[in-house]
Amino acid sequence: MTVGCAATPVQDTTGQTQTPVQNPPDQTQIPSQNQQGQNQEPKPVPIPEPKPVSQEESQVIAVQFLRNSPTFRFDGIESTLKLAGSEAGAKPFTWIFNYEFQSRQAGYGDRTGMVLAQVITDHKAQIVLEQGAVVSAILDDRWDELKGKRIE
């Protein structure tokens, strides 16, 4: 698949010569299939514009995500949850939020059924949103809350 190049005639599976359709530079070709499963002429699909999401809207999404994350939901202490800082990311409509909170036991994720140390544990969470979607959620630089596993 070529986008935005000179159209060079090619021979199709029936032996006929065809000239590919050129797309404008802001479009991508996606091949479709007919009912027999054979590829048809690619159809241009517009590339979406970045979705404008404000810092305030993103902050609401970030704190909702954190409150509903397995670690916080398991034993996070609501009264300790606070925004420690925020900044714009490198991409448009990207926001980075840093939160602090405490939990009632050590560890990460849903620890149901585990033997846990009953100790108040401090946590730092960095939540990154792009265009209103959480793309990264890291606790204490050790735990990936989106993947539910330790960072190696």
C-alpha atoms as a PDB file:
ATOM      1  CA  MET A   1       0.000   0.000   0.000  1.00  0.00           C
ATOM      2  CA  THR A   2       1.405   3.350  -1.056  1.00  0.00           C
ATOM      3  CA  VAL A   3       0.127   6.734   0.032  1.00  0.00           C
ATOM      4  CA  GLY A   4       0.797   9.951  -1.841  1.00  0.00           C
ATOM      5  CA  CYS A   5       3.159   8.467  -4.503  1.00  0.00           C
ATOM      6  CA  ALA A   6       2.977   8.687  -8.282  1.00  0.00           C
ATOM      7  CA  ALA A   7       0.403   6.278  -9.724  1.00  0.00           C
ATOM      8  CA  THR A   8       2.149   3.451 -11.572  1.00  0.00           C
ATOM      9  CA  PRO A   9       0.028   1.024 -13.606  1.00  0.00           C
ATOM     10  CA  VAL A  10      -0.021  -2.509 -12.149  1.00  0.00           C
ATOM     11  CA  GLN A  11      -1.400  -5.818 -13.318  1.00  0.00           C
ATOM     12  CA  ASP A  12      -4.235  -7.254 -11.213  1.00  0.00           C
ATOM     13  CA  THR A  13      -5.030 -10.937 -10.542  1.00  0.00           C
ATOM     14  CA  THR A  14      -7.105 -11.157 -13.767  1.00  0.00           C
ATOM     15  CA  GLY A  15      -4.163  -9.968 -15.878  1.00  0.00           C
ATOM     16  CA  GLN A  16      -5.661  -6.541 -16.569  1.00  0.00           C
ATOM     17  CA  THR A  17      -3.591  -3.387 -16.158  1.00  0.00           C
ATOM     18  CA  GLN A  18      -4.941  -0.991 -13.531  1.00  0.00           C
ATOM     19  CA  THR A  19      -3.810   2.435 -12.338  1.00  0.00           C
ATOM     20  CA  PRO A  20      -3.926   2.796  -8.520  1.00  0.00           C
ATOM     21  CA  VAL A  21      -5.956   5.640  -7.016  1.00  0.00           C
ATOM     22  CA  GLN A  22      -3.947   8.322  -5.287  1.00  0.00           C
ATOM     23  CA  ASN A  23      -5.051   9.676  -1.925  1.00  0.00           C
ATOM     24  CA  PRO A  24      -4.493  13.190  -0.706  1.00  0.00           C
ATOM     25  CA  PRO A  25      -1.602  13.304   1.814  1.00  0.00           C
ATOM     26  CA  ASP A  26      -4.010  13.500   4.800  1.00  0.00           C
ATOM     27  CA  GLN A  27      -5.714  10.190   4.054  1.00  0.00           C
ATOM     28  CA  THR A  28      -4.816   6.511   4.464  1.00  0.00           C
ATOM     29  CA  GLN A  29      -5.926   3.628   2.262  1.00  0.00           C
ATOM     30  CA  ILE A  30      -7.569   0.616   3.855  1.00  0.00           C
ATOM     31  CA  PRO A  31      -8.265  -2.356   1.575  1.00  0.00           C
ATOM     32  CA  SER A  32     -11.766  -3.816   1.744  1.00  0.00           C
ATOM     33  CA  GLN A  33     -12.924  -7.282   0.696  1.00  0.00           C
ATOM     34  CA  ASN A  34     -15.864  -8.375  -1.431  1.00  0.00           C
ATOM     35  CA  GLN A  35     -18.125 -11.272  -0.446  1.00  0.00           C
ATOM     36  CA  GLN A  36     -15.653 -13.801  -1.892  1.00  0.00           C
ATOM     37  CA  GLY A  37     -12.889 -12.426   0.378  1.00  0.00           C
ATOM     38  CA  GLN A  38     -10.923 -10.831  -2.473  1.00  0.00           C
ATOM     39  CA  ASN A  39      -9.361  -7.424  -1.967  1.00  0.00           C
ATOM     40  CA  GLN A  40     -11.155  -4.547  -3.650  1.00  0.00           C
ATOM     41  CA  GLU A  41     -10.005  -1.054  -4.471  1.00  0.00           C
ATOM     42  CA  PRO A  42      -8.729   0.653  -1.255  1.00  0.00           C
ATOM     43  CA  LYS A  43     -11.061   3.296   0.175  1.00  0.00           C
ATOM     44  CA  PRO A  44      -9.629   6.529   1.606  1.00  0.00           C
ATOM     45  CA  VAL A  45     -10.160   6.981   5.336  1.00  0.00           C
ATOM     46  CA  PRO A  46      -9.660  10.458   6.802  1.00  0.00           C
ATOM     47  CA  ILE A  47      -7.104  10.786   9.580  1.00  0.00           C
ATOM     48  CA  PRO A  48      -8.935  12.145  12.645  1.00  0.00           C
ATOM     49  CA  GLU A  49      -8.046  15.504  14.123  1.00  0.00           C
ATOM     50  CA  PRO A  50      -6.841  15.509  17.757  1.00  0.00           C
ATOM     51  CA  LYS A  51      -9.792  15.583  20.161  1.00  0.00           C
ATOM     52  CA  PRO A  52      -9.654  18.800  22.201  1.00  0.00           C
ATOM     53  CA  VAL A  53      -9.878  17.853  25.885  1.00  0.00           C
ATOM     54  CA  SER A  54      -9.119  20.516  28.481  1.00  0.00           C
ATOM     55  CA  GLN A  55      -6.851  20.074  31.478  1.00  0.00           C
ATOM     56  CA  GLU A  56      -9.873  20.271  33.783  1.00  0.00           C
ATOM     57  CA  GLU A  57     -11.776  17.566  31.862  1.00  0.00           C
ATOM     58  CA  SER A  58      -8.673  15.392  31.792  1.00  0.00           C
ATOM     59  CA  GLN A  59      -8.165  15.820  35.538  1.00  0.00           C
ATOM     60  CA  VAL A  60     -11.710  14.575  36.215  1.00  0.00           C
ATOM     61  CA  ILE A  61     -11.042  11.509  34.047  1.00  0.00           C
ATOM     62  CA  ALA A  62      -7.669  10.879  35.740  1.00  0.00           C
ATOM     63  CA  VAL A  63      -9.011  10.982  39.311  1.00  0.00           C
ATOM     64  CA  GLN A  64     -12.006   8.795  38.362  1.00  0.00           C
ATOM     65  CA  PHE A  65      -9.599   6.297  36.818  1.00  0.00           C
ATOM     66  CA  LEU A  66      -7.413   6.293  39.925  1.00  0.00           C
ATOM     67  CA  ARG A  67     -10.360   5.878  42.306  1.00  0.00           C
ATOM     68  CA  ASN A  68     -11.584   2.900  40.245  1.00  0.00           C
ATOM     69  CA  SER A  69      -8.145   1.330  39.760  1.00  0.00           C
ATOM     70  CA  PRO A  70      -7.565  -2.066  41.438  1.00  0.00           C
ATOM     71  CA  THR A  71      -4.970  -0.750  43.907  1.00  0.00           C
ATOM     72  CA  PHE A  72      -6.981   2.225  45.147  1.00  0.00           C
ATOM     73  CA  ARG A  73     -10.324   0.417  45.078  1.00  0.00           C
ATOM     74  CA  PHE A  74      -8.892  -2.458  47.159  1.00  0.00           C
ATOM     75  CA  ASP A  75      -7.728  -0.378  50.121  1.00  0.00           C
ATOM     76  CA  GLY A  76      -6.972   3.213  49.141  1.00  0.00           C
ATOM     77  CA  ILE A  77      -7.826   5.823  51.752  1.00  0.00           C
ATOM     78  CA  GLU A  78     -10.058   8.406  50.049  1.00  0.00           C
ATOM     79  CA  SER A  79      -9.261  11.198  52.510  1.00  0.00           C
ATOM     80  CA  THR A  80      -5.540  10.997  51.591  1.00  0.00           C
ATOM     81  CA  LEU A  81      -5.993  11.293  47.806  1.00  0.00           C
ATOM     82  CA  LYS A  82      -4.587  14.599  46.565  1.00  0.00           C
ATOM     83  CA  LEU A  83      -3.301  16.118  43.353  1.00  0.00           C
ATOM     84  CA  ALA A  84       0.443  16.708  43.757  1.00  0.00           C
ATOM     85  CA  GLY A  85       0.955  18.374  40.382  1.00  0.00           C
ATOM     86  CA  SER A  86       0.052  18.477  36.705  1.00  0.00           C
ATOM     87  CA  GLU A  87       1.594  19.515  33.424  1.00  0.00           C
ATOM     88  CA  ALA A  88       0.939  19.490  29.704  1.00  0.00           C
ATOM     89  CA  GLY A  89       2.456  16.612  27.748  1.00  0.00           C
ATOM     90  CA  ALA A  90       4.435  16.855  24.508  1.00  0.00           C
ATOM     91  CA  LYS A  91       1.496  15.938  22.237  1.00  0.00           C
ATOM     92  CA  PRO A  92      -1.623  18.097  21.766  1.00  0.00           C
ATOM     93  CA  PHE A  93      -4.288  17.584  24.452  1.00  0.00           C
ATOM     94  CA  THR A  94      -1.972  15.412  26.557  1.00  0.00           C
ATOM     95  CA  TRP A  95      -1.915  15.915  30.313  1.00  0.00           C
ATOM     96  CA  ILE A  96       0.209  14.381  33.069  1.00  0.00           C
ATOM     97  CA  PHE A  97      -1.246  14.257  36.581  1.00  0.00           C
ATOM     98  CA  ASN A  98       0.643  13.282  39.714  1.00  0.00           C
ATOM     99  CA  TYR A  99      -1.372  12.088  42.688  1.00  0.00           C
ATOM    100  CA  GLU A 100      -0.482  10.952  46.184  1.00  0.00           C
ATOM    101  CA  PHE A 101      -2.546   8.668  48.401  1.00  0.00           C
ATOM    102  CA  GLN A 102      -2.243   6.078  51.137  1.00  0.00           C
ATOM    103  CA  SER A 103      -3.489   2.503  51.292  1.00  0.00           C
ATOM    104  CA  ARG A 104      -4.166   0.310  54.314  1.00  0.00           C
ATOM    105  CA  GLN A 105      -1.809  -2.504  53.266  1.00  0.00           C
ATOM    106  CA  ALA A 106       1.393  -2.886  51.288  1.00  0.00           C
ATOM    107  CA  GLY A 107       1.252  -3.986  47.654  1.00  0.00           C
ATOM    108  CA  TYR A 108      -0.527  -3.236  44.405  1.00  0.00           C
ATOM    109  CA  GLY A 109      -3.643  -4.290  42.556  1.00  0.00           C
ATOM    110  CA  ASP A 110      -6.491  -6.388  43.910  1.00  0.00           C
ATOM    111  CA  ARG A 111      -4.890  -8.404  46.689  1.00  0.00           C
ATOM    112  CA  THR A 112      -7.992 -10.344  47.713  1.00  0.00           C
ATOM    113  CA  GLY A 113      -7.044 -13.608  49.421  1.00  0.00           C
ATOM    114  CA  MET A 114      -3.401 -12.614  50.021  1.00  0.00           C
ATOM    115  CA  VAL A 115      -1.717 -12.380  53.405  1.00  0.00           C
ATOM    116  CA  LEU A 116      -0.940  -8.674  53.747  1.00  0.00           C
ATOM    117  CA  ALA A 117       1.057  -6.529  56.110  1.00  0.00           C
ATOM    118  CA  GLN A 118      -1.357  -4.189  57.906  1.00  0.00           C
ATOM    119  CA  VAL A 119       0.686  -1.045  57.373  1.00  0.00           C
ATOM    120  CA  ILE A 120      -0.308   2.355  56.005  1.00  0.00           C
ATOM    121  CA  THR A 121       1.536   2.654  52.690  1.00  0.00           C
ATOM    122  CA  ASP A 122       2.254   5.888  50.796  1.00  0.00           C
ATOM    123  CA  HIS A 123       1.772   5.801  47.023  1.00  0.00           C
ATOM    124  CA  LYS A 124       2.543   8.184  44.171  1.00  0.00           C
ATOM    125  CA  ALA A 125       0.568   7.791  40.957  1.00  0.00           C
ATOM    126  CA  GLN A 126       1.337   9.324  37.572  1.00  0.00           C
ATOM    127  CA  ILE A 127      -1.657   9.255  35.223  1.00  0.00           C
ATOM    128  CA  VAL A 128      -1.158  10.322  31.586  1.00  0.00           C
ATOM    129  CA  LEU A 129      -4.099  11.153  29.323  1.00  0.00           C
ATOM    130  CA  GLU A 130      -4.084  11.767  25.576  1.00  0.00           C
ATOM    131  CA  GLN A 131      -7.235  13.300  24.112  1.00  0.00           C
ATOM    132  CA  GLY A 132      -9.266  12.193  27.127  1.00  0.00           C
ATOM    133  CA  ALA A 133      -8.009   8.587  27.259  1.00  0.00           C
ATOM    134  CA  VAL A 134      -5.751   7.168  29.978  1.00  0.00           C
ATOM    135  CA  VAL A 135      -2.626   5.903  28.188  1.00  0.00           C
ATOM    136  CA  SER A 136      -0.389   5.374  31.227  1.00  0.00           C
ATOM    137  CA  ALA A 137      -0.969   4.830  34.949  1.00  0.00           C
ATOM    138  CA  ILE A 138       2.169   4.118  36.986  1.00  0.00           C
ATOM    139  CA  LEU A 139       2.303   3.733  40.771  1.00  0.00           C
ATOM    140  CA  ASP A 140       5.522   4.397  42.669  1.00  0.00           C
ATOM    141  CA  ASP A 141       7.582   3.902  39.465  1.00  0.00           C
ATOM    142  CA  ARG A 142       7.066   0.153  40.107  1.00  0.00           C
ATOM    143  CA  TRP A 143       3.543  -0.867  39.116  1.00  0.00           C
ATOM    144  CA  ASP A 144       1.691  -0.469  35.815  1.00  0.00           C
ATOM    145  CA  GLU A 145      -1.938  -0.045  36.861  1.00  0.00           C
ATOM    146  CA  LEU A 146      -3.209  -0.408  33.261  1.00  0.00           C
ATOM    147  CA  LYS A 147      -1.446  -3.743  32.734  1.00  0.00           C
ATOM    148  CA  GLY A 148      -1.800  -4.873  36.338  1.00  0.00           C
ATOM    149  CA  LYS A 149       1.827  -5.900  36.672  1.00  0.00           C
ATOM    150  CA  ARG A 150       5.182  -4.899  38.069  1.00  0.00           C
ATOM    151  CA  ILE A 151       7.437  -2.759  35.857  1.00  0.00           C
ATOM    152  CA  GLU A 152      10.652  -4.551  35.007  1.00  0.00           C
END
